[in-house]
Structures are given as structure tokens and as C-alpha cells.
Protein backbone atom coordinates (compact mmCIF):
# COMPACT_ATOMS: atom_id res chain seq x y z
CA MET A 1 10.39 7.69 -3.24
CA GLN A 2 13.32 5.92 -1.61
CA ALA A 3 11.96 2.94 0.32
CA THR A 4 14.90 0.69 1.13
CA ASP A 5 13.55 -0.94 4.29
CA PRO A 6 11.00 -3.68 3.42
CA GLU A 7 8.94 -2.70 6.48
CA THR A 8 8.58 0.92 5.37
CA LEU A 9 4.94 1.96 5.58
CA LEU A 10 3.45 3.72 2.57
CA LYS A 11 0.46 6.05 2.38
CA PRO A 12 -2.45 5.10 0.11
CA ALA A 13 -1.52 7.87 -2.36
CA GLU A 14 2.04 6.51 -2.62
CA VAL A 15 0.78 2.99 -3.31
CA ALA A 16 -1.74 4.33 -5.81
CA ALA A 17 1.04 6.13 -7.69
CA MET A 18 3.03 2.90 -7.89
CA PHE A 19 0.05 1.01 -9.38
CA ARG A 20 -1.13 4.03 -11.39
CA VAL A 21 -4.62 3.89 -9.91
CA ASP A 22 -6.76 6.18 -7.75
CA PRO A 23 -6.09 6.07 -3.98
CA LYS A 24 -9.69 4.94 -3.41
CA THR A 25 -8.88 1.81 -5.44
CA ILE A 26 -6.15 0.96 -2.93
CA THR A 27 -8.69 1.28 -0.10
CA ARG A 28 -11.09 -1.02 -1.98
CA TRP A 29 -8.33 -3.59 -2.48
CA ALA A 30 -7.57 -3.49 1.25
CA ARG A 31 -11.24 -3.96 2.17
CA ALA A 32 -11.45 -6.89 -0.28
CA GLY A 33 -8.42 -8.53 1.34
CA GLN A 34 -6.15 -8.18 -1.69
CA LEU A 35 -3.78 -5.86 0.18
CA THR A 36 -3.02 -5.80 3.91
CA ALA A 37 -3.54 -2.47 5.63
CA VAL A 38 -1.84 -1.46 8.86
CA HIS A 39 -3.89 1.03 10.84
CA THR A 40 -2.10 3.87 12.62
CA LEU A 41 -3.16 5.14 16.04
CA GLY A 42 -5.02 7.92 14.24
CA GLY A 43 -6.98 5.39 12.17
CA HIS A 44 -5.14 5.95 8.88
CA ARG A 45 -4.24 3.08 6.59
CA ARG A 46 -0.64 2.33 5.71
CA TYR A 47 0.76 -0.43 3.51
CA ARG A 48 4.02 -2.36 3.83
CA TYR A 49 6.51 -1.67 1.06
CA SER A 50 7.50 -5.34 0.96
CA GLU A 51 3.96 -6.46 0.14
CA VAL A 52 3.37 -3.71 -2.41
CA SER A 53 6.63 -4.40 -4.25
CA ARG A 54 5.87 -8.15 -4.28
CA LEU A 55 2.46 -7.48 -5.85
CA LEU A 56 4.02 -5.18 -8.45
CA LYS A 57 6.51 -7.89 -9.47
CA VAL A 58 3.78 -10.56 -9.74
CA GLY A 59 1.46 -8.40 -11.87
């Protein structure tokens, strides 16, 4: 994955691969407020690369 723009939106499966967890875990984190989800017009969740990379560096 080549995400150079910090505002790139990632799919739950892409974020899950980065954290090495199941995609459903990412959804749970978003519902718990630990990760901010952006909803598309179709109702799908997307996550900002900038936030995900910041969380990866902290953990």
C-alpha cells in the first residue's frame, strides 16, 4: 500500500492488516471511539491514514 497523502482514506481491511487484527476489531474500535470513522455516501466506513499511522507509532 502506498499512502503518501495523510488524508488518504483506508478500508477497514487495510487498517486491520496494518494492526494485524481482524477487520471486525477495527469496527469495534471505531464504535468505542478509539478510531475515527468517516462514512461514505454508501454507508461504508473509511479511516484516515494520518490517524492510523499516528496510532501505530504510539503503540
